[in-house]
Amino acid sequence: MKKLFIDADIIIDLLLERHPFHESANELFTRIENGKYEGHTSTIVVANLHYLIEKAESKNVADKGILKLLKLLFIIPIQKDDFINSLNSSFNDFEDGAQYYASLRSNMDFIITRNIKDYRHSKIKVLNPHEFIRSYDS
């Protein structure tokens, strides 16, 4: 089974129903929920998402969204070496770098994000949900 690291932007698209990205995020999560793919995200994403959703909506909406997320996805811890590797890498965004190294360490097959350019040096295939479904969902 393919292991997918799902970046925060995709989860926000799903939970806040952001147009025009919600449809492809929903398609991806439907496949994860049906057991076609194994979905993963990081500890950082979970914490950041709760904060962002609470600011955009309410604590109640954030709590419900995170509970839904925790039922669907495995959570990858960010370890000390992931942070060190990010600091010593060519990643412009520290958080993306840490998540990349955690994904690499956790043997992810794909990183699913809309911020593909942030992972331009990735050894892991990086796609947005629409590209992933179109290319790998057979």
C-alpha atoms as a PDB file:
ATOM      1  CA  MET A   1       0.000   0.000   0.000  1.00  0.00           C
ATOM      2  CA  LYS A   2       1.286   3.447  -0.912  1.00  0.00           C
ATOM      3  CA  LYS A   3       2.229   5.647   2.044  1.00  0.00           C
ATOM      4  CA  LEU A   4       1.285   9.310   1.566  1.00  0.00           C
ATOM      5  CA  PHE A   5       2.515  12.221   3.639  1.00  0.00           C
ATOM      6  CA  ILE A   6      -0.309  14.780   3.568  1.00  0.00           C
ATOM      7  CA  ASP A   7       0.813  18.384   4.039  1.00  0.00           C
ATOM      8  CA  ALA A   8      -1.211  20.909   6.046  1.00  0.00           C
ATOM      9  CA  ASP A   9      -2.570  22.814   3.048  1.00  0.00           C
ATOM     10  CA  ILE A  10      -4.397  19.736   1.765  1.00  0.00           C
ATOM     11  CA  ILE A  11      -5.970  19.025   5.146  1.00  0.00           C
ATOM     12  CA  ILE A  12      -7.077  22.645   5.511  1.00  0.00           C
ATOM     13  CA  ASP A  13      -8.616  22.458   2.022  1.00  0.00           C
ATOM     14  CA  LEU A  14     -10.609  19.444   3.196  1.00  0.00           C
ATOM     15  CA  LEU A  15     -11.672  20.630   6.650  1.00  0.00           C
ATOM     16  CA  LEU A  16     -12.467  24.237   5.723  1.00  0.00           C
ATOM     17  CA  GLU A  17     -13.868  23.276   2.302  1.00  0.00           C
ATOM     18  CA  ARG A  18     -11.611  25.784   0.532  1.00  0.00           C
ATOM     19  CA  HIS A  19     -12.632  26.362  -3.050  1.00  0.00           C
ATOM     20  CA  PRO A  20     -11.400  25.244  -5.587  1.00  0.00           C
ATOM     21  CA  PHE A  21      -9.155  22.747  -3.767  1.00  0.00           C
ATOM     22  CA  HIS A  22     -11.718  20.968  -1.590  1.00  0.00           C
ATOM     23  CA  GLU A  23     -12.882  18.555  -4.280  1.00  0.00           C
ATOM     24  CA  SER A  24      -9.486  16.966  -4.959  1.00  0.00           C
ATOM     25  CA  ALA A  25      -8.631  16.900  -1.219  1.00  0.00           C
ATOM     26  CA  ASN A  26     -11.941  15.159  -0.549  1.00  0.00           C
ATOM     27  CA  GLU A  27     -11.287  12.618  -3.317  1.00  0.00           C
ATOM     28  CA  LEU A  28      -7.897  11.834  -1.792  1.00  0.00           C
ATOM     29  CA  PHE A  29      -9.246  11.485   1.743  1.00  0.00           C
ATOM     30  CA  THR A  30     -12.101   9.276   0.530  1.00  0.00           C
ATOM     31  CA  ARG A  31      -9.520   6.890  -0.874  1.00  0.00           C
ATOM     32  CA  ILE A  32      -7.547   6.986   2.387  1.00  0.00           C
ATOM     33  CA  GLU A  33     -10.718   6.344   4.393  1.00  0.00           C
ATOM     34  CA  ASN A  34     -11.563   3.402   2.118  1.00  0.00           C
ATOM     35  CA  GLY A  35      -8.117   1.874   2.759  1.00  0.00           C
ATOM     36  CA  LYS A  36      -6.704   2.365  -0.727  1.00  0.00           C
ATOM     37  CA  TYR A  37      -3.776   4.437   0.591  1.00  0.00           C
ATOM     38  CA  GLU A  38      -2.157   4.913   3.962  1.00  0.00           C
ATOM     39  CA  GLY A  39      -2.302   8.569   4.965  1.00  0.00           C
ATOM     40  CA  HIS A  40       0.252  10.215   7.262  1.00  0.00           C
ATOM     41  CA  THR A  41       0.953  13.699   8.545  1.00  0.00           C
ATOM     42  CA  SER A  42       3.250  15.174  11.176  1.00  0.00           C
ATOM     43  CA  THR A  43       2.872  16.275  14.759  1.00  0.00           C
ATOM     44  CA  ILE A  44       3.594  19.829  13.617  1.00  0.00           C
ATOM     45  CA  VAL A  45       0.727  19.738  11.125  1.00  0.00           C
ATOM     46  CA  VAL A  46      -1.767  18.577  13.743  1.00  0.00           C
ATOM     47  CA  ALA A  47      -0.831  21.368  16.162  1.00  0.00           C
ATOM     48  CA  ASN A  48      -0.737  24.053  13.457  1.00  0.00           C
ATOM     49  CA  LEU A  49      -4.054  22.925  11.978  1.00  0.00           C
ATOM     50  CA  HIS A  50      -5.863  23.156  15.276  1.00  0.00           C
ATOM     51  CA  TYR A  51      -4.587  26.696  15.740  1.00  0.00           C
ATOM     52  CA  LEU A  52      -5.477  27.783  12.195  1.00  0.00           C
ATOM     53  CA  ILE A  53      -8.935  26.220  12.194  1.00  0.00           C
ATOM     54  CA  GLU A  54      -9.729  27.676  15.613  1.00  0.00           C
ATOM     55  CA  LYS A  55      -8.739  31.157  14.337  1.00  0.00           C
ATOM     56  CA  ALA A  56     -10.748  30.762  11.127  1.00  0.00           C
ATOM     57  CA  GLU A  57     -13.804  29.104  12.672  1.00  0.00           C
ATOM     58  CA  SER A  58     -13.998  28.146  16.369  1.00  0.00           C
ATOM     59  CA  LYS A  59     -12.448  25.844  18.966  1.00  0.00           C
ATOM     60  CA  ASN A  60     -15.363  23.438  18.534  1.00  0.00           C
ATOM     61  CA  VAL A  61     -14.824  23.215  14.763  1.00  0.00           C
ATOM     62  CA  ALA A  62     -11.068  22.779  15.316  1.00  0.00           C
ATOM     63  CA  ASP A  63     -11.581  20.011  17.881  1.00  0.00           C
ATOM     64  CA  LYS A  64     -13.983  18.119  15.601  1.00  0.00           C
ATOM     65  CA  GLY A  65     -11.667  18.516  12.607  1.00  0.00           C
ATOM     66  CA  ILE A  66      -8.640  17.225  14.498  1.00  0.00           C
ATOM     67  CA  LEU A  67     -10.583  14.246  15.861  1.00  0.00           C
ATOM     68  CA  LYS A  68     -11.679  13.390  12.313  1.00  0.00           C
ATOM     69  CA  LEU A  69      -8.095  13.740  11.133  1.00  0.00           C
ATOM     70  CA  LEU A  70      -6.721  11.501  13.896  1.00  0.00           C
ATOM     71  CA  LYS A  71      -9.115   8.730  12.858  1.00  0.00           C
ATOM     72  CA  LEU A  72      -7.891   8.826   9.250  1.00  0.00           C
ATOM     73  CA  LEU A  73      -4.167   9.499   9.411  1.00  0.00           C
ATOM     74  CA  PHE A  74      -1.092   8.116  11.096  1.00  0.00           C
ATOM     75  CA  ILE A  75       0.955  10.797  12.845  1.00  0.00           C
ATOM     76  CA  ILE A  76       4.703  10.960  12.216  1.00  0.00           C
ATOM     77  CA  PRO A  77       6.757  12.484  15.019  1.00  0.00           C
ATOM     78  CA  ILE A  78       9.342  15.068  14.075  1.00  0.00           C
ATOM     79  CA  GLN A  79      12.614  13.991  15.673  1.00  0.00           C
ATOM     80  CA  LYS A  80      15.685  15.969  16.637  1.00  0.00           C
ATOM     81  CA  ASP A  81      17.629  14.723  13.597  1.00  0.00           C
ATOM     82  CA  ASP A  82      14.814  15.872  11.289  1.00  0.00           C
ATOM     83  CA  PHE A  83      15.213  19.424  12.618  1.00  0.00           C
ATOM     84  CA  ILE A  84      19.008  19.266  12.322  1.00  0.00           C
ATOM     85  CA  ASN A  85      18.777  17.929   8.776  1.00  0.00           C
ATOM     86  CA  SER A  86      16.358  20.720   7.886  1.00  0.00           C
ATOM     87  CA  LEU A  87      18.730  23.356   9.263  1.00  0.00           C
ATOM     88  CA  ASN A  88      21.588  21.892   7.221  1.00  0.00           C
ATOM     89  CA  SER A  89      19.571  21.510   4.032  1.00  0.00           C
ATOM     90  CA  SER A  90      18.670  23.673   1.062  1.00  0.00           C
ATOM     91  CA  PHE A  91      15.035  23.929   2.208  1.00  0.00           C
ATOM     92  CA  ASN A  92      13.953  27.559   2.457  1.00  0.00           C
ATOM     93  CA  ASP A  93      11.149  26.645   4.849  1.00  0.00           C
ATOM     94  CA  PHE A  94      12.360  25.067   8.120  1.00  0.00           C
ATOM     95  CA  GLU A  95       9.057  23.293   8.792  1.00  0.00           C
ATOM     96  CA  ASP A  96       8.859  21.800   5.290  1.00  0.00           C
ATOM     97  CA  GLY A  97      12.418  20.570   5.666  1.00  0.00           C
ATOM     98  CA  ALA A  98      11.710  18.917   9.006  1.00  0.00           C
ATOM     99  CA  GLN A  99       8.589  17.263   7.589  1.00  0.00           C
ATOM    100  CA  TYR A 100      10.506  16.114   4.530  1.00  0.00           C
ATOM    101  CA  TYR A 101      13.207  14.435   6.629  1.00  0.00           C
ATOM    102  CA  ALA A 102      10.558  12.828   8.861  1.00  0.00           C
ATOM    103  CA  SER A 103       8.823  11.554   5.694  1.00  0.00           C
ATOM    104  CA  LEU A 104      12.098  10.223   4.318  1.00  0.00           C
ATOM    105  CA  ARG A 105      12.879   8.487   7.624  1.00  0.00           C
ATOM    106  CA  SER A 106       9.340   7.026   7.668  1.00  0.00           C
ATOM    107  CA  ASN A 107       9.628   5.658   4.103  1.00  0.00           C
ATOM    108  CA  MET A 108       6.823   7.700   2.565  1.00  0.00           C
ATOM    109  CA  ASP A 109       6.146   6.981  -1.102  1.00  0.00           C
ATOM    110  CA  PHE A 110       4.688  10.427  -1.853  1.00  0.00           C
ATOM    111  CA  ILE A 111       4.354  13.891  -0.380  1.00  0.00           C
ATOM    112  CA  ILE A 112       0.961  15.379  -1.210  1.00  0.00           C
ATOM    113  CA  THR A 113       0.929  19.180  -1.128  1.00  0.00           C
ATOM    114  CA  ARG A 114      -0.017  22.195  -3.202  1.00  0.00           C
ATOM    115  CA  ASN A 115       3.364  23.759  -2.362  1.00  0.00           C
ATOM    116  CA  ILE A 116       5.349  21.517  -4.684  1.00  0.00           C
ATOM    117  CA  LYS A 117       8.111  24.090  -5.230  1.00  0.00           C
ATOM    118  CA  ASP A 118       8.905  23.980  -1.488  1.00  0.00           C
ATOM    119  CA  TYR A 119      10.049  20.367  -1.957  1.00  0.00           C
ATOM    120  CA  ARG A 120      12.025  20.804  -5.183  1.00  0.00           C
ATOM    121  CA  HIS A 121      15.041  18.873  -3.823  1.00  0.00           C
ATOM    122  CA  SER A 122      12.933  15.969  -2.569  1.00  0.00           C
ATOM    123  CA  LYS A 123      13.937  12.381  -3.182  1.00  0.00           C
ATOM    124  CA  ILE A 124      10.284  11.515  -2.520  1.00  0.00           C
ATOM    125  CA  LYS A 125       7.797  12.104  -5.349  1.00  0.00           C
ATOM    126  CA  VAL A 126       5.819  15.309  -4.642  1.00  0.00           C
ATOM    127  CA  LEU A 127       2.382  15.888  -6.172  1.00  0.00           C
ATOM    128  CA  ASN A 128      -0.819  17.772  -5.507  1.00  0.00           C
ATOM    129  CA  PRO A 129      -3.925  15.624  -4.826  1.00  0.00           C
ATOM    130  CA  HIS A 130      -5.311  16.011  -8.347  1.00  0.00           C
ATOM    131  CA  GLU A 131      -2.005  14.971  -9.964  1.00  0.00           C
ATOM    132  CA  PHE A 132      -1.637  12.034  -7.598  1.00  0.00           C
ATOM    133  CA  ILE A 133      -5.138  10.707  -8.258  1.00  0.00           C
ATOM    134  CA  ARG A 134      -4.813  11.217 -12.016  1.00  0.00           C
ATOM    135  CA  SER A 135      -1.374   9.555 -12.206  1.00  0.00           C
ATOM    136  CA  TYR A 136      -1.445   6.810  -9.583  1.00  0.00           C
ATOM    137  CA  ASP A 137      -5.071   5.954  -8.866  1.00  0.00           C
ATOM    138  CA  SER A 138      -5.684   2.988 -11.149  1.00  0.00           C
END
